[in-house]
N, C-alpha and C. Protein backbone atom coordinates (compact mmCIF):
# COMPACT_ATOMS: atom_id res chain seq x y z
N MET A 1 11.05 -27.27 24.32
CA MET A 1 10.79 -28.71 24.34
C MET A 1 11.74 -29.44 23.40
N GLY A 2 12.11 -28.80 22.30
CA GLY A 2 13.11 -29.39 21.41
C GLY A 2 12.53 -30.34 20.39
N ALA A 3 13.39 -30.71 19.44
CA ALA A 3 12.96 -31.58 18.34
C ALA A 3 12.85 -33.03 18.80
N ARG A 4 11.83 -33.72 18.28
CA ARG A 4 11.65 -35.15 18.51
C ARG A 4 11.73 -35.83 17.15
N TRP A 5 12.88 -36.43 16.88
CA TRP A 5 13.14 -36.98 15.55
C TRP A 5 12.45 -38.33 15.37
N LYS A 6 12.10 -38.60 14.13
CA LYS A 6 11.43 -39.85 13.79
C LYS A 6 12.45 -40.83 13.20
N GLY A 7 12.93 -41.72 14.01
CA GLY A 7 13.84 -42.74 13.53
C GLY A 7 15.30 -42.34 13.59
N LYS A 8 16.14 -43.33 13.59
CA LYS A 8 17.58 -43.14 13.65
C LYS A 8 18.08 -42.51 12.35
N GLY A 9 18.90 -41.50 12.47
CA GLY A 9 19.47 -40.84 11.29
C GLY A 9 18.66 -39.68 10.76
N ALA A 10 17.47 -39.42 11.33
CA ALA A 10 16.62 -38.34 10.82
C ALA A 10 17.27 -36.98 11.03
N GLU A 11 17.89 -36.77 12.19
CA GLU A 11 18.54 -35.49 12.46
C GLU A 11 19.71 -35.25 11.51
N VAL A 12 20.49 -36.28 11.28
CA VAL A 12 21.63 -36.15 10.37
C VAL A 12 21.16 -35.81 8.96
N LYS A 13 20.08 -36.43 8.55
CA LYS A 13 19.53 -36.18 7.22
C LYS A 13 19.07 -34.74 7.07
N THR A 14 18.45 -34.18 8.09
CA THR A 14 17.97 -32.80 8.01
C THR A 14 19.13 -31.81 7.98
N LEU A 15 20.20 -32.12 8.70
CA LEU A 15 21.38 -31.24 8.70
C LEU A 15 22.06 -31.25 7.34
N ALA A 16 22.02 -32.40 6.67
CA ALA A 16 22.64 -32.51 5.35
C ALA A 16 21.79 -31.87 4.26
N ASP A 17 20.49 -31.75 4.52
CA ASP A 17 19.57 -31.20 3.52
C ASP A 17 18.62 -30.22 4.21
N PRO A 18 19.13 -29.04 4.62
CA PRO A 18 18.32 -28.11 5.41
C PRO A 18 17.11 -27.58 4.65
N ILE A 19 16.04 -27.33 5.38
CA ILE A 19 14.80 -26.87 4.76
C ILE A 19 14.99 -25.51 4.09
N SER A 20 15.87 -24.67 4.62
CA SER A 20 16.12 -23.36 4.02
C SER A 20 16.66 -23.50 2.61
N GLU A 21 17.53 -24.47 2.38
CA GLU A 21 18.11 -24.70 1.06
C GLU A 21 17.06 -25.26 0.11
N ILE A 22 16.21 -26.15 0.62
CA ILE A 22 15.15 -26.72 -0.22
C ILE A 22 14.18 -25.63 -0.68
N VAL A 23 13.78 -24.75 0.24
CA VAL A 23 12.86 -23.67 -0.10
C VAL A 23 13.51 -22.71 -1.09
N SER A 24 14.80 -22.44 -0.92
CA SER A 24 15.51 -21.56 -1.85
C SER A 24 15.52 -22.16 -3.26
N GLN A 25 15.78 -23.46 -3.36
CA GLN A 25 15.75 -24.13 -4.67
C GLN A 25 14.35 -24.09 -5.28
N LEU A 26 13.33 -24.27 -4.44
CA LEU A 26 11.95 -24.23 -4.92
C LEU A 26 11.60 -22.85 -5.44
N GLN A 27 11.98 -21.81 -4.72
CA GLN A 27 11.70 -20.44 -5.17
C GLN A 27 12.38 -20.14 -6.50
N SER A 28 13.64 -20.57 -6.63
CA SER A 28 14.38 -20.34 -7.88
C SER A 28 13.73 -21.08 -9.04
N SER A 29 13.26 -22.30 -8.79
CA SER A 29 12.62 -23.08 -9.84
C SER A 29 11.31 -22.44 -10.29
N LEU A 30 10.52 -21.95 -9.35
CA LEU A 30 9.25 -21.31 -9.69
C LEU A 30 9.46 -20.02 -10.46
N ILE A 31 10.48 -19.27 -10.08
CA ILE A 31 10.77 -18.00 -10.77
C ILE A 31 11.29 -18.26 -12.18
N SER A 32 12.24 -19.18 -12.32
CA SER A 32 12.84 -19.44 -13.63
C SER A 32 11.85 -20.04 -14.62
N SER A 33 10.89 -20.82 -14.10
CA SER A 33 9.90 -21.45 -14.98
C SER A 33 8.67 -20.58 -15.20
N ASN A 34 8.64 -19.43 -14.51
CA ASN A 34 7.50 -18.51 -14.62
C ASN A 34 6.18 -19.26 -14.37
N SER A 35 6.17 -20.05 -13.30
CA SER A 35 5.00 -20.88 -13.00
C SER A 35 3.78 -20.04 -12.65
N ARG A 36 2.62 -20.52 -13.10
CA ARG A 36 1.35 -19.85 -12.80
C ARG A 36 0.34 -20.91 -12.38
N GLY A 37 -0.44 -20.57 -11.35
CA GLY A 37 -1.41 -21.52 -10.83
C GLY A 37 -2.82 -21.22 -11.29
N LEU A 38 -3.68 -22.21 -11.22
CA LEU A 38 -5.09 -22.06 -11.55
C LEU A 38 -5.93 -22.26 -10.30
N LEU A 39 -6.93 -21.40 -10.13
CA LEU A 39 -7.76 -21.45 -8.94
C LEU A 39 -8.86 -22.50 -9.09
N SER A 40 -9.00 -23.34 -8.06
CA SER A 40 -10.07 -24.33 -8.03
C SER A 40 -10.65 -24.34 -6.62
N GLY A 41 -11.78 -23.65 -6.42
CA GLY A 41 -12.34 -23.50 -5.08
C GLY A 41 -11.43 -22.64 -4.23
N THR A 42 -10.89 -23.21 -3.15
CA THR A 42 -9.93 -22.49 -2.31
C THR A 42 -8.52 -23.05 -2.49
N SER A 43 -8.31 -23.85 -3.53
CA SER A 43 -6.99 -24.41 -3.82
C SER A 43 -6.43 -23.78 -5.09
N VAL A 44 -5.11 -23.77 -5.18
CA VAL A 44 -4.44 -23.31 -6.39
C VAL A 44 -3.72 -24.50 -7.00
N LEU A 45 -4.05 -24.80 -8.26
CA LEU A 45 -3.45 -25.93 -8.97
C LEU A 45 -2.22 -25.46 -9.73
N LEU A 46 -1.14 -26.19 -9.59
CA LEU A 46 0.11 -25.84 -10.24
C LEU A 46 0.64 -27.04 -11.01
N LYS A 47 0.85 -26.84 -12.31
CA LYS A 47 1.41 -27.92 -13.12
C LYS A 47 2.90 -28.04 -12.82
N ALA A 48 3.33 -29.26 -12.51
CA ALA A 48 4.72 -29.45 -12.09
C ALA A 48 5.33 -30.65 -12.80
N ASP A 49 6.57 -30.46 -13.27
CA ASP A 49 7.29 -31.59 -13.85
C ASP A 49 7.93 -32.41 -12.73
N THR A 50 8.72 -33.39 -13.07
CA THR A 50 9.30 -34.29 -12.07
C THR A 50 10.19 -33.55 -11.08
N GLU A 51 11.03 -32.65 -11.60
CA GLU A 51 11.96 -31.91 -10.73
C GLU A 51 11.20 -31.01 -9.76
N LEU A 52 10.21 -30.27 -10.29
CA LEU A 52 9.45 -29.36 -9.42
C LEU A 52 8.61 -30.14 -8.42
N THR A 53 8.06 -31.27 -8.83
CA THR A 53 7.28 -32.10 -7.92
C THR A 53 8.15 -32.59 -6.76
N ASP A 54 9.38 -32.96 -7.06
CA ASP A 54 10.30 -33.42 -6.02
C ASP A 54 10.58 -32.30 -5.02
N LEU A 55 10.80 -31.07 -5.53
CA LEU A 55 11.07 -29.94 -4.65
C LEU A 55 9.85 -29.60 -3.79
N LEU A 56 8.67 -29.65 -4.39
CA LEU A 56 7.44 -29.38 -3.64
C LEU A 56 7.25 -30.40 -2.52
N ASN A 57 7.52 -31.66 -2.83
CA ASN A 57 7.38 -32.71 -1.82
C ASN A 57 8.40 -32.55 -0.70
N ARG A 58 9.64 -32.23 -1.06
CA ARG A 58 10.69 -32.07 -0.06
C ARG A 58 10.43 -30.85 0.83
N ALA A 59 9.84 -29.81 0.25
CA ALA A 59 9.53 -28.60 1.02
C ALA A 59 8.19 -28.71 1.73
N CYS A 60 7.47 -29.79 1.46
CA CYS A 60 6.16 -30.04 2.06
C CYS A 60 5.17 -28.94 1.71
N PHE A 61 5.12 -28.61 0.42
CA PHE A 61 4.16 -27.64 -0.10
C PHE A 61 3.10 -28.38 -0.92
N GLY A 62 1.84 -28.27 -0.51
CA GLY A 62 0.75 -28.81 -1.29
C GLY A 62 0.68 -30.32 -1.32
N ARG A 63 -0.26 -30.83 -2.13
CA ARG A 63 -0.46 -32.26 -2.30
C ARG A 63 -0.76 -32.57 -3.76
N PRO A 64 -0.34 -33.74 -4.24
CA PRO A 64 -0.66 -34.13 -5.62
C PRO A 64 -2.18 -34.21 -5.81
N ARG A 65 -2.64 -33.82 -7.01
CA ARG A 65 -4.08 -33.82 -7.27
C ARG A 65 -4.33 -33.99 -8.76
N VAL A 66 -5.39 -34.71 -9.09
CA VAL A 66 -5.79 -34.87 -10.47
C VAL A 66 -6.31 -33.53 -10.98
N VAL A 67 -5.89 -33.11 -12.16
CA VAL A 67 -6.24 -31.79 -12.69
C VAL A 67 -7.71 -31.73 -13.06
N ASP A 68 -8.38 -30.68 -12.59
CA ASP A 68 -9.76 -30.39 -12.97
C ASP A 68 -9.71 -29.20 -13.92
N HIS A 69 -10.23 -29.36 -15.11
CA HIS A 69 -10.11 -28.30 -16.11
C HIS A 69 -11.11 -27.17 -15.91
N ASN A 70 -12.05 -27.29 -14.97
CA ASN A 70 -13.01 -26.22 -14.73
C ASN A 70 -12.42 -25.25 -13.71
N ASN A 71 -11.41 -24.52 -14.11
CA ASN A 71 -10.73 -23.57 -13.24
C ASN A 71 -10.78 -22.18 -13.83
N THR A 72 -10.53 -21.19 -12.98
CA THR A 72 -10.53 -19.80 -13.41
C THR A 72 -9.19 -19.18 -13.07
N GLU A 73 -8.57 -18.51 -14.04
CA GLU A 73 -7.30 -17.86 -13.79
C GLU A 73 -7.55 -16.43 -13.32
N LEU A 74 -6.95 -16.06 -12.19
CA LEU A 74 -7.18 -14.75 -11.59
C LEU A 74 -5.86 -14.03 -11.37
N SER A 75 -5.94 -12.72 -11.27
CA SER A 75 -4.77 -11.93 -10.89
C SER A 75 -4.56 -12.12 -9.39
N SER A 76 -3.43 -11.64 -8.87
CA SER A 76 -3.14 -11.79 -7.44
C SER A 76 -4.18 -11.05 -6.59
N ASP A 77 -4.61 -9.86 -7.04
CA ASP A 77 -5.62 -9.10 -6.30
C ASP A 77 -6.96 -9.83 -6.30
N GLU A 78 -7.33 -10.37 -7.46
CA GLU A 78 -8.58 -11.10 -7.55
C GLU A 78 -8.55 -12.37 -6.70
N LEU A 79 -7.39 -13.02 -6.70
CA LEU A 79 -7.24 -14.23 -5.89
C LEU A 79 -7.39 -13.91 -4.41
N TRP A 80 -6.78 -12.80 -3.98
CA TRP A 80 -6.87 -12.39 -2.57
C TRP A 80 -8.32 -12.11 -2.19
N LYS A 81 -9.04 -11.41 -3.02
CA LYS A 81 -10.45 -11.11 -2.75
C LYS A 81 -11.29 -12.39 -2.72
N HIS A 82 -10.99 -13.30 -3.63
CA HIS A 82 -11.72 -14.56 -3.69
C HIS A 82 -11.52 -15.36 -2.40
N MET A 83 -10.26 -15.48 -1.95
CA MET A 83 -9.97 -16.27 -0.76
C MET A 83 -10.55 -15.62 0.49
N THR A 84 -10.52 -14.30 0.55
CA THR A 84 -11.09 -13.59 1.70
C THR A 84 -12.60 -13.75 1.73
N PHE A 85 -13.23 -13.78 0.56
CA PHE A 85 -14.67 -14.00 0.50
C PHE A 85 -15.04 -15.40 0.96
N ARG A 86 -14.22 -16.39 0.56
CA ARG A 86 -14.48 -17.77 0.95
C ARG A 86 -14.21 -18.01 2.43
N LYS A 87 -13.21 -17.31 2.98
CA LYS A 87 -12.84 -17.51 4.38
C LYS A 87 -12.53 -16.15 4.98
N GLU A 88 -13.39 -15.70 5.88
CA GLU A 88 -13.30 -14.33 6.39
C GLU A 88 -11.95 -14.01 7.03
N ASN A 89 -11.38 -14.95 7.78
CA ASN A 89 -10.11 -14.70 8.45
C ASN A 89 -8.91 -15.17 7.64
N PHE A 90 -9.08 -15.32 6.33
CA PHE A 90 -7.97 -15.76 5.48
C PHE A 90 -6.74 -14.87 5.61
N PRO A 91 -6.86 -13.51 5.62
CA PRO A 91 -5.65 -12.68 5.74
C PRO A 91 -4.85 -12.99 7.00
N ILE A 92 -5.54 -13.26 8.10
CA ILE A 92 -4.85 -13.56 9.36
C ILE A 92 -4.13 -14.90 9.27
N LEU A 93 -4.82 -15.91 8.75
CA LEU A 93 -4.22 -17.24 8.63
C LEU A 93 -3.07 -17.24 7.63
N PHE A 94 -3.23 -16.49 6.54
CA PHE A 94 -2.18 -16.43 5.52
C PHE A 94 -0.93 -15.75 6.07
N LYS A 95 -1.12 -14.65 6.83
CA LYS A 95 0.03 -13.96 7.41
C LYS A 95 0.76 -14.87 8.39
N ALA A 96 0.01 -15.63 9.19
CA ALA A 96 0.64 -16.56 10.13
C ALA A 96 1.43 -17.62 9.37
N PHE A 97 0.82 -18.16 8.31
CA PHE A 97 1.49 -19.18 7.49
C PHE A 97 2.77 -18.62 6.87
N SER A 98 2.67 -17.46 6.22
CA SER A 98 3.84 -16.90 5.53
C SER A 98 4.92 -16.49 6.53
N HIS A 99 4.51 -16.03 7.72
CA HIS A 99 5.48 -15.64 8.75
C HIS A 99 6.31 -16.84 9.18
N LEU A 100 5.65 -17.97 9.43
CA LEU A 100 6.38 -19.16 9.85
C LEU A 100 7.21 -19.74 8.71
N ARG A 101 6.66 -19.71 7.50
CA ARG A 101 7.41 -20.22 6.35
C ARG A 101 8.66 -19.38 6.09
N SER A 102 8.57 -18.08 6.33
CA SER A 102 9.74 -17.21 6.12
C SER A 102 10.86 -17.54 7.09
N LYS A 103 10.53 -18.21 8.20
CA LYS A 103 11.52 -18.63 9.19
C LYS A 103 11.88 -20.11 9.01
N ASN A 104 11.49 -20.67 7.84
CA ASN A 104 11.83 -22.04 7.46
C ASN A 104 11.18 -23.11 8.33
N TRP A 105 9.99 -22.80 8.86
CA TRP A 105 9.19 -23.82 9.52
C TRP A 105 8.25 -24.43 8.49
N VAL A 106 8.05 -25.73 8.56
CA VAL A 106 7.06 -26.40 7.72
C VAL A 106 5.72 -26.32 8.45
N VAL A 107 4.69 -25.85 7.77
CA VAL A 107 3.41 -25.57 8.40
C VAL A 107 2.33 -26.48 7.82
N ARG A 108 1.63 -27.18 8.69
CA ARG A 108 0.52 -28.04 8.27
C ARG A 108 -0.72 -27.71 9.11
N SER A 109 -1.86 -28.21 8.68
CA SER A 109 -3.11 -27.96 9.39
C SER A 109 -3.05 -28.52 10.82
N GLY A 110 -3.63 -27.77 11.76
CA GLY A 110 -3.64 -28.21 13.15
C GLY A 110 -5.03 -28.54 13.65
N SER A 111 -5.96 -28.78 12.73
CA SER A 111 -7.36 -29.01 13.12
C SER A 111 -7.51 -30.21 14.06
N GLN A 112 -6.66 -31.23 13.91
CA GLN A 112 -6.79 -32.40 14.77
C GLN A 112 -6.37 -32.11 16.21
N TYR A 113 -5.66 -30.98 16.43
CA TYR A 113 -5.25 -30.59 17.77
C TYR A 113 -6.04 -29.39 18.28
N GLY A 114 -7.03 -28.93 17.51
CA GLY A 114 -7.84 -27.80 17.93
C GLY A 114 -7.16 -26.45 17.78
N VAL A 115 -6.14 -26.38 16.90
CA VAL A 115 -5.43 -25.12 16.64
C VAL A 115 -5.44 -24.85 15.14
N ASP A 116 -4.90 -23.69 14.75
CA ASP A 116 -4.90 -23.33 13.34
C ASP A 116 -3.90 -24.14 12.53
N SER A 117 -2.73 -24.35 13.10
CA SER A 117 -1.69 -25.08 12.38
C SER A 117 -0.69 -25.67 13.36
N VAL A 118 0.17 -26.53 12.83
CA VAL A 118 1.30 -27.07 13.59
C VAL A 118 2.57 -26.79 12.80
N ALA A 119 3.67 -26.60 13.51
CA ALA A 119 4.93 -26.20 12.87
C ALA A 119 6.01 -27.25 13.11
N TYR A 120 6.67 -27.65 12.02
CA TYR A 120 7.76 -28.62 12.04
C TYR A 120 9.06 -27.92 11.63
N ARG A 121 10.17 -28.36 12.20
CA ARG A 121 11.45 -27.78 11.80
C ARG A 121 11.98 -28.39 10.51
N HIS A 122 11.40 -29.49 10.07
CA HIS A 122 11.76 -30.10 8.78
C HIS A 122 10.56 -30.93 8.32
N HIS A 123 10.76 -31.75 7.32
CA HIS A 123 9.67 -32.53 6.75
C HIS A 123 9.02 -33.41 7.83
N PRO A 124 7.67 -33.47 7.86
CA PRO A 124 6.97 -34.28 8.88
C PRO A 124 7.35 -35.75 8.86
N ALA A 125 7.92 -36.24 7.78
CA ALA A 125 8.35 -37.64 7.74
C ALA A 125 9.59 -37.86 8.61
N LEU A 126 10.29 -36.76 8.97
CA LEU A 126 11.54 -36.89 9.70
C LEU A 126 11.44 -36.44 11.15
N VAL A 127 10.51 -35.57 11.45
CA VAL A 127 10.45 -35.00 12.79
C VAL A 127 9.00 -34.70 13.17
N HIS A 128 8.72 -34.80 14.48
CA HIS A 128 7.40 -34.44 14.98
C HIS A 128 7.28 -32.91 15.05
N SER A 129 6.07 -32.41 14.97
CA SER A 129 5.87 -30.97 15.08
C SER A 129 6.18 -30.51 16.50
N GLU A 130 6.69 -29.29 16.59
CA GLU A 130 7.08 -28.74 17.89
C GLU A 130 6.08 -27.75 18.46
N TYR A 131 5.33 -27.10 17.59
CA TYR A 131 4.43 -26.04 18.04
C TYR A 131 3.00 -26.25 17.56
N ASP A 132 2.06 -26.03 18.46
CA ASP A 132 0.66 -25.82 18.11
C ASP A 132 0.49 -24.32 17.94
N VAL A 133 -0.05 -23.89 16.81
CA VAL A 133 -0.07 -22.46 16.48
C VAL A 133 -1.51 -21.94 16.44
N LEU A 134 -1.73 -20.82 17.12
CA LEU A 134 -2.98 -20.08 17.03
C LEU A 134 -2.67 -18.70 16.46
N ALA A 135 -3.42 -18.30 15.43
CA ALA A 135 -3.28 -16.97 14.84
C ALA A 135 -4.44 -16.12 15.32
N LEU A 136 -4.14 -15.07 16.09
CA LEU A 136 -5.17 -14.22 16.68
C LEU A 136 -5.03 -12.79 16.18
N SER A 137 -6.15 -12.09 16.16
CA SER A 137 -6.13 -10.70 15.73
C SER A 137 -7.19 -9.91 16.47
N ALA A 138 -6.79 -8.77 17.04
CA ALA A 138 -7.74 -7.93 17.76
C ALA A 138 -8.78 -7.34 16.82
N GLN A 139 -8.42 -7.19 15.54
CA GLN A 139 -9.34 -6.61 14.58
C GLN A 139 -10.54 -7.51 14.31
N ASP A 140 -10.39 -8.81 14.57
CA ASP A 140 -11.47 -9.73 14.27
C ASP A 140 -12.59 -9.73 15.31
N GLY A 141 -12.32 -9.16 16.49
CA GLY A 141 -13.34 -9.11 17.52
C GLY A 141 -13.79 -10.49 17.94
N SER A 142 -15.10 -10.69 18.04
CA SER A 142 -15.65 -11.95 18.53
C SER A 142 -15.46 -13.09 17.54
N ALA A 143 -15.16 -12.77 16.25
CA ALA A 143 -14.98 -13.82 15.24
C ALA A 143 -13.77 -14.67 15.54
N ASN A 144 -12.83 -14.16 16.33
CA ASN A 144 -11.61 -14.89 16.63
C ASN A 144 -11.42 -14.95 18.14
N GLY A 145 -12.53 -15.15 18.87
CA GLY A 145 -12.50 -15.03 20.32
C GLY A 145 -11.97 -16.24 21.04
N ARG A 146 -10.67 -16.50 20.95
CA ARG A 146 -10.05 -17.61 21.65
C ARG A 146 -9.06 -17.07 22.67
N LEU A 147 -8.78 -17.86 23.68
CA LEU A 147 -7.85 -17.50 24.75
C LEU A 147 -8.25 -16.19 25.42
N ARG A 148 -9.56 -16.02 25.65
CA ARG A 148 -10.04 -14.80 26.29
C ARG A 148 -10.25 -14.97 27.79
N VAL A 149 -10.44 -16.20 28.22
CA VAL A 149 -10.61 -16.46 29.65
C VAL A 149 -9.63 -17.55 30.07
N TRP A 150 -9.45 -17.67 31.39
CA TRP A 150 -8.44 -18.61 31.89
C TRP A 150 -8.72 -20.04 31.46
N SER A 151 -9.98 -20.44 31.43
CA SER A 151 -10.29 -21.82 31.06
C SER A 151 -9.82 -22.13 29.64
N ASP A 152 -9.85 -21.14 28.73
CA ASP A 152 -9.35 -21.35 27.37
C ASP A 152 -7.86 -21.69 27.40
N PHE A 153 -7.09 -20.93 28.17
CA PHE A 153 -5.66 -21.20 28.30
C PHE A 153 -5.44 -22.58 28.93
N HIS A 154 -6.19 -22.87 29.97
CA HIS A 154 -6.01 -24.13 30.70
C HIS A 154 -6.22 -25.34 29.79
N TYR A 155 -7.33 -25.37 29.07
CA TYR A 155 -7.63 -26.51 28.22
C TYR A 155 -6.65 -26.61 27.06
N THR A 156 -6.32 -25.46 26.47
CA THR A 156 -5.40 -25.47 25.32
C THR A 156 -4.01 -25.94 25.73
N LEU A 157 -3.53 -25.46 26.86
CA LEU A 157 -2.20 -25.85 27.32
C LEU A 157 -2.16 -27.32 27.73
N ARG A 158 -3.24 -27.81 28.31
CA ARG A 158 -3.29 -29.24 28.66
C ARG A 158 -3.23 -30.09 27.40
N LEU A 159 -3.93 -29.66 26.36
CA LEU A 159 -3.92 -30.40 25.10
C LEU A 159 -2.53 -30.38 24.48
N CYS A 160 -1.88 -29.21 24.48
CA CYS A 160 -0.52 -29.11 23.94
C CYS A 160 0.44 -30.01 24.70
N GLY A 161 0.31 -30.01 26.01
CA GLY A 161 1.19 -30.84 26.83
C GLY A 161 0.98 -32.31 26.59
N SER A 162 -0.27 -32.71 26.34
CA SER A 162 -0.56 -34.13 26.13
C SER A 162 0.04 -34.66 24.84
N VAL A 163 0.33 -33.77 23.88
CA VAL A 163 0.92 -34.20 22.61
C VAL A 163 2.35 -33.68 22.46
N ALA A 164 2.95 -33.26 23.58
CA ALA A 164 4.35 -32.83 23.64
C ALA A 164 4.65 -31.69 22.67
N LYS A 165 3.81 -30.66 22.70
CA LYS A 165 4.02 -29.49 21.86
C LYS A 165 3.94 -28.23 22.70
N THR A 166 4.54 -27.15 22.20
CA THR A 166 4.47 -25.85 22.84
C THR A 166 3.45 -24.99 22.10
N LEU A 167 2.65 -24.24 22.86
CA LEU A 167 1.66 -23.36 22.24
C LEU A 167 2.34 -22.08 21.76
N LEU A 168 2.21 -21.81 20.47
CA LEU A 168 2.76 -20.58 19.87
C LEU A 168 1.58 -19.73 19.41
N VAL A 169 1.48 -18.55 19.98
CA VAL A 169 0.41 -17.62 19.62
C VAL A 169 1.01 -16.52 18.74
N LEU A 170 0.42 -16.33 17.57
CA LEU A 170 0.84 -15.26 16.68
C LEU A 170 -0.23 -14.17 16.70
N ASP A 171 0.11 -13.03 17.25
CA ASP A 171 -0.81 -11.89 17.25
C ASP A 171 -0.59 -11.13 15.94
N ILE A 172 -1.60 -11.14 15.09
CA ILE A 172 -1.50 -10.51 13.78
C ILE A 172 -2.17 -9.14 13.85
N GLU A 173 -1.40 -8.10 13.55
CA GLU A 173 -1.92 -6.74 13.58
C GLU A 173 -1.89 -6.14 12.18
N GLN A 174 -2.91 -5.38 11.88
CA GLN A 174 -3.01 -4.73 10.57
C GLN A 174 -2.48 -3.31 10.65
N GLN A 175 -1.60 -2.98 9.70
CA GLN A 175 -1.04 -1.64 9.61
C GLN A 175 -1.70 -0.90 8.45
N GLN A 176 -2.58 -0.01 8.76
CA GLN A 176 -3.28 0.70 7.71
C GLN A 176 -2.35 1.59 6.90
N SER A 177 -1.25 2.02 7.52
CA SER A 177 -0.35 2.96 6.85
C SER A 177 0.62 2.28 5.88
N CYS A 178 0.65 0.95 5.89
CA CYS A 178 1.60 0.22 5.03
C CYS A 178 0.84 -0.58 4.00
N ALA A 179 0.99 -0.19 2.73
CA ALA A 179 0.24 -0.86 1.66
C ALA A 179 0.93 -2.14 1.19
N THR A 180 2.28 -2.18 1.26
CA THR A 180 3.02 -3.33 0.74
C THR A 180 2.99 -4.52 1.69
N SER A 181 2.98 -4.25 2.99
CA SER A 181 2.94 -5.33 3.98
C SER A 181 2.01 -4.90 5.11
N PRO A 182 0.68 -5.00 4.89
CA PRO A 182 -0.27 -4.44 5.85
C PRO A 182 -0.40 -5.21 7.16
N TYR A 183 0.19 -6.41 7.26
CA TYR A 183 0.05 -7.21 8.46
C TYR A 183 1.42 -7.51 9.06
N VAL A 184 1.50 -7.46 10.38
CA VAL A 184 2.72 -7.85 11.09
C VAL A 184 2.36 -8.91 12.13
N ALA A 185 3.30 -9.78 12.45
CA ALA A 185 3.06 -10.87 13.39
C ALA A 185 3.97 -10.73 14.61
N GLU A 186 3.39 -10.87 15.77
CA GLU A 186 4.16 -10.87 17.02
C GLU A 186 4.04 -12.25 17.65
N GLU A 187 5.17 -12.86 18.00
CA GLU A 187 5.20 -14.23 18.50
C GLU A 187 5.19 -14.28 20.02
N ARG A 188 4.41 -15.22 20.54
CA ARG A 188 4.43 -15.49 21.99
C ARG A 188 4.31 -16.99 22.20
N THR A 189 5.20 -17.56 22.98
CA THR A 189 5.05 -18.96 23.37
C THR A 189 4.49 -19.00 24.78
N ILE A 190 3.55 -19.93 25.00
CA ILE A 190 2.87 -20.03 26.29
C ILE A 190 3.02 -21.46 26.79
N THR A 191 3.48 -21.60 28.01
CA THR A 191 3.64 -22.93 28.61
C THR A 191 2.98 -22.94 29.98
N ARG A 192 2.71 -24.15 30.47
CA ARG A 192 2.11 -24.30 31.79
C ARG A 192 3.13 -23.94 32.86
N TRP A 193 2.68 -23.24 33.90
CA TRP A 193 3.57 -22.87 35.00
C TRP A 193 3.57 -23.98 36.03
N SER A 194 4.75 -24.33 36.45
CA SER A 194 4.89 -25.36 37.48
C SER A 194 5.25 -24.70 38.80
N PRO A 195 4.50 -24.96 39.87
CA PRO A 195 4.82 -24.38 41.18
C PRO A 195 6.23 -24.71 41.64
N GLU A 196 6.76 -25.84 41.18
CA GLU A 196 8.10 -26.25 41.60
C GLU A 196 9.15 -25.23 41.15
N GLN A 197 8.86 -24.49 40.08
CA GLN A 197 9.84 -23.54 39.57
C GLN A 197 10.03 -22.35 40.51
N GLY A 198 9.05 -22.10 41.39
CA GLY A 198 9.13 -20.94 42.26
C GLY A 198 9.46 -21.28 43.71
N ARG A 199 9.78 -22.52 43.97
CA ARG A 199 10.06 -22.93 45.34
C ARG A 199 11.56 -22.93 45.62
N GLU A 200 11.89 -22.66 46.88
CA GLU A 200 13.29 -22.67 47.26
C GLU A 200 13.83 -24.09 47.27
N LYS A 201 15.07 -24.21 46.84
CA LYS A 201 15.70 -25.52 46.90
C LYS A 201 16.19 -25.78 48.32
N LYS A 202 15.93 -26.97 48.80
CA LYS A 202 16.36 -27.33 50.14
C LYS A 202 17.84 -27.69 50.14
N LEU A 203 18.53 -27.16 51.11
CA LEU A 203 19.95 -27.48 51.25
C LEU A 203 20.12 -28.89 51.78
N ASN A 204 21.21 -29.51 51.37
CA ASN A 204 21.49 -30.84 51.90
C ASN A 204 21.74 -30.73 53.41
N PRO A 205 21.20 -31.65 54.17
CA PRO A 205 21.40 -31.56 55.64
C PRO A 205 22.87 -31.70 56.01
N THR A 206 23.27 -30.95 57.00
CA THR A 206 24.67 -31.04 57.47
C THR A 206 24.66 -31.66 58.86
N HIS A 207 25.71 -32.34 59.14
CA HIS A 207 25.83 -32.99 60.46
C HIS A 207 26.69 -32.10 61.37
N VAL A 208 26.17 -31.77 62.50
CA VAL A 208 26.87 -30.93 63.48
C VAL A 208 27.34 -31.81 64.63
N ARG A 209 28.60 -31.72 64.92
CA ARG A 209 29.15 -32.48 66.05
C ARG A 209 29.28 -31.61 67.28
């Protein structure tokens, strides 16, 4: 379907300031400053100076928030357990998020479209999202029972088409044998089939004398 830019000059601006470079700068800044976050519910609070705030905004990571001092600092393992306890399918959603982010897609919530997330090729202020994303896992069984019957596909694809987006399904599989990266993602894009694509093209009529 391709990118739908917001306003004149948006495409040029993204080419001059690619999201991959912004994310690289953000990663370097977080590493050099040894940044650490504080857990508040299901959010992680990160203290940021002006430079880091600018990078976070440009990379479309998080939102500004007034600091609440009633927070608990946890290790990465404790944080993972906490988030999984709060949201049963957190590992699946997190793997889908990190998979898309590793490919330099900007990922935002897709609840308004009935999907897990939406993916942008750059900052949402510059371009419309291109994909409606569903993260599915066979391990979840009935807890993640979407797109199991034809009507699910039909309604979901109609919704995607009405907002000019392509449905991207990420099948998340758990690898018990791999401790460092236990989840892998397989990508599938699904679009509506048009009968016109399978019909023979009519030849132009010829005049016989």
